[in-house]
PDB file of N, CA and C in Angstrom:
ATOM      1  N   MET A   1      14.951  17.032  13.228  1.00  0.00           N
ATOM      2  CA  MET A   1      14.192  17.033  11.992  1.00  0.00           C
ATOM      3  C   MET A   1      12.848  17.706  12.272  1.00  0.00           C
ATOM      4  N   ASP A   2      12.476  18.635  11.425  1.00  0.00           N
ATOM      5  CA  ASP A   2      11.196  19.297  11.623  1.00  0.00           C
ATOM      6  C   ASP A   2      10.060  18.463  11.041  1.00  0.00           C
ATOM      7  N   THR A   3       8.837  18.852  11.374  1.00  0.00           N
ATOM      8  CA  THR A   3       7.675  18.044  10.991  1.00  0.00           C
ATOM      9  C   THR A   3       7.429  18.053   9.491  1.00  0.00           C
ATOM     10  N   THR A   4       7.764  19.135   8.810  1.00  0.00           N
ATOM     11  CA  THR A   4       7.545  19.197   7.366  1.00  0.00           C
ATOM     12  C   THR A   4       8.391  18.162   6.637  1.00  0.00           C
ATOM     13  N   THR A   5       9.631  18.043   7.011  1.00  0.00           N
ATOM     14  CA  THR A   5      10.516  17.060   6.386  1.00  0.00           C
ATOM     15  C   THR A   5      10.066  15.642   6.703  1.00  0.00           C
ATOM     16  N   ALA A   6       9.691  15.418   7.957  1.00  0.00           N
ATOM     17  CA  ALA A   6       9.252  14.083   8.362  1.00  0.00           C
ATOM     18  C   ALA A   6       7.981  13.677   7.622  1.00  0.00           C
ATOM     19  N   LEU A   7       7.005  14.575   7.516  1.00  0.00           N
ATOM     20  CA  LEU A   7       5.766  14.240   6.815  1.00  0.00           C
ATOM     21  C   LEU A   7       5.995  14.062   5.318  1.00  0.00           C
ATOM     22  N   THR A   8       6.944  14.765   4.752  1.00  0.00           N
ATOM     23  CA  THR A   8       7.267  14.583   3.339  1.00  0.00           C
ATOM     24  C   THR A   8       7.876  13.203   3.103  1.00  0.00           C
ATOM     25  N   ILE A   9       8.772  12.788   3.963  1.00  0.00           N
ATOM     26  CA  ILE A   9       9.382  11.461   3.832  1.00  0.00           C
ATOM     27  C   ILE A   9       8.342  10.370   4.039  1.00  0.00           C
ATOM     28  N   ILE A  10       7.535  10.496   5.086  1.00  0.00           N
ATOM     29  CA  ILE A  10       6.491   9.504   5.368  1.00  0.00           C
ATOM     30  C   ILE A  10       5.481   9.443   4.229  1.00  0.00           C
ATOM     31  N   GLY A  11       5.066  10.605   3.730  1.00  0.00           N
ATOM     32  CA  GLY A  11       4.106  10.641   2.626  1.00  0.00           C
ATOM     33  C   GLY A  11       4.650  10.001   1.368  1.00  0.00           C
ATOM     34  N   GLY A  12       5.916  10.246   1.063  1.00  0.00           N
ATOM     35  CA  GLY A  12       6.518   9.632  -0.126  1.00  0.00           C
ATOM     36  C   GLY A  12       6.596   8.124  -0.021  1.00  0.00           C
ATOM     37  N   ILE A  13       6.990   7.643   1.139  1.00  0.00           N
ATOM     38  CA  ILE A  13       7.065   6.191   1.347  1.00  0.00           C
ATOM     39  C   ILE A  13       5.684   5.557   1.267  1.00  0.00           C
ATOM     40  N   LEU A  14       4.686   6.194   1.877  1.00  0.00           N
ATOM     41  CA  LEU A  14       3.326   5.657   1.829  1.00  0.00           C
ATOM     42  C   LEU A  14       2.771   5.664   0.411  1.00  0.00           C
ATOM     43  N   LEU A  15       3.089   6.687  -0.366  1.00  0.00           N
ATOM     44  CA  LEU A  15       2.624   6.712  -1.752  1.00  0.00           C
ATOM     45  C   LEU A  15       3.227   5.580  -2.571  1.00  0.00           C
ATOM     46  N   VAL A  16       4.510   5.345  -2.424  1.00  0.00           N
ATOM     47  CA  VAL A  16       5.158   4.255  -3.168  1.00  0.00           C
ATOM     48  C   VAL A  16       4.582   2.905  -2.745  1.00  0.00           C
ATOM     49  N   LEU A  17       4.403   2.707  -1.456  1.00  0.00           N
ATOM     50  CA  LEU A  17       3.847   1.450  -0.961  1.00  0.00           C
ATOM     51  C   LEU A  17       2.405   1.260  -1.425  1.00  0.00           C
ATOM     52  N   GLY A  18       1.600   2.322  -1.366  1.00  0.00           N
ATOM     53  CA  GLY A  18       0.211   2.233  -1.804  1.00  0.00           C
ATOM     54  C   GLY A  18       0.084   1.943  -3.283  1.00  0.00           C
ATOM     55  N   ILE A  19       0.918   2.577  -4.093  1.00  0.00           N
ATOM     56  CA  ILE A  19       0.880   2.327  -5.534  1.00  0.00           C
ATOM     57  C   ILE A  19       1.276   0.890  -5.835  1.00  0.00           C
ATOM     58  N   ALA A  20       2.271   0.364  -5.133  1.00  0.00           N
ATOM     59  CA  ALA A  20       2.685  -1.031  -5.338  1.00  0.00           C
ATOM     60  C   ALA A  20       1.563  -1.990  -4.966  1.00  0.00           C
ATOM     61  N   LYS A  21       0.836  -1.689  -3.889  1.00  0.00           N
ATOM     62  CA  LYS A  21      -0.252  -2.574  -3.480  1.00  0.00           C
ATOM     63  C   LYS A  21      -1.417  -2.525  -4.447  1.00  0.00           C
ATOM     64  N   VAL A  22      -1.666  -1.386  -5.067  1.00  0.00           N
ATOM     65  CA  VAL A  22      -2.775  -1.272  -6.005  1.00  0.00           C
ATOM     66  C   VAL A  22      -2.425  -1.886  -7.359  1.00  0.00           C
ATOM     67  N   ILE A  23      -1.206  -1.690  -7.822  1.00  0.00           N
ATOM     68  CA  ILE A  23      -0.822  -2.173  -9.156  1.00  0.00           C
ATOM     69  C   ILE A  23      -0.520  -3.675  -9.158  1.00  0.00           C
ATOM     70  N   PHE A  24       0.147  -4.171  -8.112  1.00  0.00           N
ATOM     71  CA  PHE A  24       0.559  -5.578  -8.066  1.00  0.00           C
ATOM     72  C   PHE A  24       0.028  -6.279  -6.819  1.00  0.00           C
ATOM     73  N   PRO A  25      -1.295  -6.402  -6.636  1.00  0.00           N
ATOM     74  CA  PRO A  25      -1.792  -6.999  -5.393  1.00  0.00           C
ATOM     75  C   PRO A  25      -1.502  -8.489  -5.273  1.00  0.00           C
ATOM     76  N   LYS A  26      -1.576  -9.227  -6.362  1.00  0.00           N
ATOM     77  CA  LYS A  26      -1.337 -10.672  -6.279  1.00  0.00           C
ATOM     78  C   LYS A  26       0.129 -10.974  -5.971  1.00  0.00           C
ATOM     79  N   GLN A  27       1.047 -10.236  -6.589  1.00  0.00           N
ATOM     80  CA  GLN A  27       2.460 -10.449  -6.314  1.00  0.00           C
ATOM     81  C   GLN A  27       2.817 -10.007  -4.895  1.00  0.00           C
ATOM     82  N   PHE A  28       2.157  -8.949  -4.419  1.00  0.00           N
ATOM     83  CA  PHE A  28       2.384  -8.480  -3.056  1.00  0.00           C
ATOM     84  C   PHE A  28       1.958  -9.555  -2.060  1.00  0.00           C
ATOM     85  N   ASN A  29       0.796 -10.158  -2.302  1.00  0.00           N
ATOM     86  CA  ASN A  29       0.331 -11.250  -1.435  1.00  0.00           C
ATOM     87  C   ASN A  29       1.261 -12.454  -1.521  1.00  0.00           C
ATOM     88  N   GLN A  30       1.744 -12.749  -2.710  1.00  0.00           N
ATOM     89  CA  GLN A  30       2.652 -13.889  -2.897  1.00  0.00           C
ATOM     90  C   GLN A  30       3.911 -13.705  -2.067  1.00  0.00           C
ATOM     91  N   ASN A  31       4.454 -12.486  -2.056  1.00  0.00           N
ATOM     92  CA  ASN A  31       5.673 -12.223  -1.289  1.00  0.00           C
ATOM     93  C   ASN A  31       5.429 -12.295   0.209  1.00  0.00           C
ATOM     94  N   ILE A  32       4.271 -11.849   0.662  1.00  0.00           N
ATOM     95  CA  ILE A  32       3.990 -11.796   2.096  1.00  0.00           C
ATOM     96  C   ILE A  32       3.511 -13.144   2.633  1.00  0.00           C
ATOM     97  N   MET A  33       2.522 -13.746   1.964  1.00  0.00           N
ATOM     98  CA  MET A  33       1.867 -14.930   2.508  1.00  0.00           C
ATOM     99  C   MET A  33       2.250 -16.233   1.827  1.00  0.00           C
ATOM    100  N   GLY A  34       3.024 -16.178   0.775  1.00  0.00           N
ATOM    101  CA  GLY A  34       3.381 -17.399   0.073  1.00  0.00           C
ATOM    102  C   GLY A  34       2.249 -17.858  -0.838  1.00  0.00           C
ATOM    103  N   ASP A  35       2.248 -19.139  -1.171  1.00  0.00           N
ATOM    104  CA  ASP A  35       1.220 -19.682  -2.061  1.00  0.00           C
ATOM    105  C   ASP A  35      -0.106 -19.797  -1.333  1.00  0.00           C
ATOM    106  N   LEU A  36      -1.136 -19.181  -1.915  1.00  0.00           N
ATOM    107  CA  LEU A  36      -2.488 -19.281  -1.374  1.00  0.00           C
ATOM    108  C   LEU A  36      -3.275 -20.309  -2.169  1.00  0.00           C
ATOM    109  N   HIS A  37      -4.349 -20.777  -1.579  1.00  0.00           N
ATOM    110  CA  HIS A  37      -5.256 -21.662  -2.292  1.00  0.00           C
ATOM    111  C   HIS A  37      -5.833 -20.899  -3.475  1.00  0.00           C
ATOM    112  N   ALA A  38      -6.128 -21.589  -4.566  1.00  0.00           N
ATOM    113  CA  ALA A  38      -6.583 -20.934  -5.802  1.00  0.00           C
ATOM    114  C   ALA A  38      -7.842 -20.097  -5.585  1.00  0.00           C
ATOM    115  N   GLU A  39      -8.734 -20.541  -4.694  1.00  0.00           N
ATOM    116  CA  GLU A  39      -9.968 -19.793  -4.448  1.00  0.00           C
ATOM    117  C   GLU A  39      -9.738 -18.552  -3.591  1.00  0.00           C
ATOM    118  N   ALA A  40      -8.615 -18.462  -2.922  1.00  0.00           N
ATOM    119  CA  ALA A  40      -8.351 -17.332  -2.031  1.00  0.00           C
ATOM    120  C   ALA A  40      -7.519 -16.235  -2.679  1.00  0.00           C
ATOM    121  N   VAL A  41      -7.021 -16.460  -3.887  1.00  0.00           N
ATOM    122  CA  VAL A  41      -6.118 -15.490  -4.504  1.00  0.00           C
ATOM    123  C   VAL A  41      -6.840 -14.180  -4.834  1.00  0.00           C
ATOM    124  N   ASN A  42      -7.978 -14.252  -5.512  1.00  0.00           N
ATOM    125  CA  ASN A  42      -8.675 -13.032  -5.912  1.00  0.00           C
ATOM    126  C   ASN A  42      -9.270 -12.266  -4.729  1.00  0.00           C
ATOM    127  N   PRO A  43      -9.931 -12.912  -3.746  1.00  0.00           N
ATOM    128  CA  PRO A  43     -10.406 -12.137  -2.592  1.00  0.00           C
ATOM    129  C   PRO A  43      -9.271 -11.485  -1.803  1.00  0.00           C
ATOM    130  N   ALA A  44      -8.157 -12.167  -1.669  1.00  0.00           N
ATOM    131  CA  ALA A  44      -7.014 -11.579  -0.958  1.00  0.00           C
ATOM    132  C   ALA A  44      -6.460 -10.388  -1.729  1.00  0.00           C
ATOM    133  N   ALA A  45      -6.433 -10.472  -3.060  1.00  0.00           N
ATOM    134  CA  ALA A  45      -5.968  -9.348  -3.869  1.00  0.00           C
ATOM    135  C   ALA A  45      -6.923  -8.162  -3.764  1.00  0.00           C
ATOM    136  N   ALA A  46      -8.224  -8.432  -3.694  1.00  0.00           N
ATOM    137  CA  ALA A  46      -9.198  -7.352  -3.552  1.00  0.00           C
ATOM    138  C   ALA A  46      -9.018  -6.621  -2.218  1.00  0.00           C
ATOM    139  N   ILE A  47      -8.769  -7.367  -1.169  1.00  0.00           N
ATOM    140  CA  ILE A  47      -8.522  -6.749   0.133  1.00  0.00           C
ATOM    141  C   ILE A  47      -7.229  -5.941   0.086  1.00  0.00           C
ATOM    142  N   ARG A  48      -6.209  -6.464  -0.577  1.00  0.00           N
ATOM    143  CA  ARG A  48      -4.929  -5.763  -0.675  1.00  0.00           C
ATOM    144  C   ARG A  48      -5.094  -4.452  -1.446  1.00  0.00           C
ATOM    145  N   VAL A  49      -5.938  -4.425  -2.486  1.00  0.00           N
ATOM    146  CA  VAL A  49      -6.172  -3.195  -3.237  1.00  0.00           C
ATOM    147  C   VAL A  49      -6.874  -2.164  -2.354  1.00  0.00           C
ATOM    148  N   ALA A  50      -7.845  -2.606  -1.556  1.00  0.00           N
ATOM    149  CA  ALA A  50      -8.524  -1.679  -0.651  1.00  0.00           C
ATOM    150  C   ALA A  50      -7.554  -1.107   0.379  1.00  0.00           C
ATOM    151  N   LEU A  51      -6.680  -1.942   0.924  1.00  0.00           N
ATOM    152  CA  LEU A  51      -5.670  -1.457   1.858  1.00  0.00           C
ATOM    153  C   LEU A  51      -4.681  -0.516   1.173  1.00  0.00           C
ATOM    154  N   GLY A  52      -4.352  -0.806  -0.058  1.00  0.00           N
ATOM    155  CA  GLY A  52      -3.469   0.076  -0.817  1.00  0.00           C
ATOM    156  C   GLY A  52      -4.085   1.447  -1.035  1.00  0.00           C
ATOM    157  N   GLY A  53      -5.398   1.482  -1.274  1.00  0.00           N
ATOM    158  CA  GLY A  53      -6.088   2.764  -1.410  1.00  0.00           C
ATOM    159  C   GLY A  53      -6.055   3.565  -0.128  1.00  0.00           C
ATOM    160  N   ALA A  54      -6.236   2.888   0.998  1.00  0.00           N
ATOM    161  CA  ALA A  54      -6.177   3.573   2.289  1.00  0.00           C
ATOM    162  C   ALA A  54      -4.776   4.112   2.562  1.00  0.00           C
ATOM    163  N   ILE A  55      -3.766   3.361   2.175  1.00  0.00           N
ATOM    164  CA  ILE A  55      -2.384   3.817   2.348  1.00  0.00           C
ATOM    165  C   ILE A  55      -2.089   5.003   1.424  1.00  0.00           C
ATOM    166  N   LEU A  56      -2.637   4.971   0.203  1.00  0.00           N
ATOM    167  CA  LEU A  56      -2.468   6.102  -0.706  1.00  0.00           C
ATOM    168  C   LEU A  56      -3.067   7.376  -0.118  1.00  0.00           C
ATOM    169  N   VAL A  57      -4.268   7.261   0.443  1.00  0.00           N
ATOM    170  CA  VAL A  57      -4.912   8.425   1.056  1.00  0.00           C
ATOM    171  C   VAL A  57      -4.088   8.945   2.215  1.00  0.00           C
ATOM    172  N   SER A  58      -3.560   8.060   3.030  1.00  0.00           N
ATOM    173  CA  SER A  58      -2.721   8.480   4.150  1.00  0.00           C
ATOM    174  C   SER A  58      -1.468   9.202   3.653  1.00  0.00           C
ATOM    175  N   GLY A  59      -0.886   8.717   2.563  1.00  0.00           N
ATOM    176  CA  GLY A  59       0.285   9.367   1.989  1.00  0.00           C
ATOM    177  C   GLY A  59      -0.032  10.751   1.432  1.00  0.00           C
ATOM    178  N   ILE A  60      -1.188  10.887   0.803  1.00  0.00           N
ATOM    179  CA  ILE A  60      -1.592  12.188   0.269  1.00  0.00           C
ATOM    180  C   ILE A  60      -1.839  13.168   1.413  1.00  0.00           C
ATOM    181  N   VAL A  61      -2.475  12.709   2.478  1.00  0.00           N
ATOM    182  CA  VAL A  61      -2.713  13.585   3.625  1.00  0.00           C
ATOM    183  C   VAL A  61      -1.385  14.001   4.254  1.00  0.00           C
ATOM    184  N   ALA A  62      -0.451  13.072   4.379  1.00  0.00           N
ATOM    185  CA  ALA A  62       0.856  13.408   4.959  1.00  0.00           C
ATOM    186  C   ALA A  62       1.591  14.420   4.100  1.00  0.00           C
ATOM    187  N   LEU A  63       1.509  14.279   2.787  1.00  0.00           N
ATOM    188  CA  LEU A  63       2.184  15.234   1.901  1.00  0.00           C
ATOM    189  C   LEU A  63       1.509  16.602   1.922  1.00  0.00           C
ATOM    190  N   SER A  64       0.204  16.630   2.083  1.00  0.00           N
ATOM    191  CA  SER A  64      -0.490  17.920   2.080  1.00  0.00           C
ATOM    192  C   SER A  64      -0.338  18.660   3.405  1.00  0.00           C
ATOM    193  N   CYS A  65       0.076  17.964   4.455  1.00  0.00           N
ATOM    194  CA  CYS A  65       0.290  18.642   5.735  1.00  0.00           C
ATOM    195  C   CYS A  65       1.656  19.263   5.737  1.00  0.00           C
TER     196      CYS A  65
END
């Protein structure tokens, strides 16, 4: 497999994962960590959105290479 195909596949997967983390952060946390304390739900979702943005950027860079 050449690098162009590999980076296209990796970029596509990262874009889908990043979009899911940005659009549904609370549900993403629920699936990964289970039930959180009520005071921890919003801060955990905010961190998940920031991580989703970083994953989106990584996916865009992979697709542009």
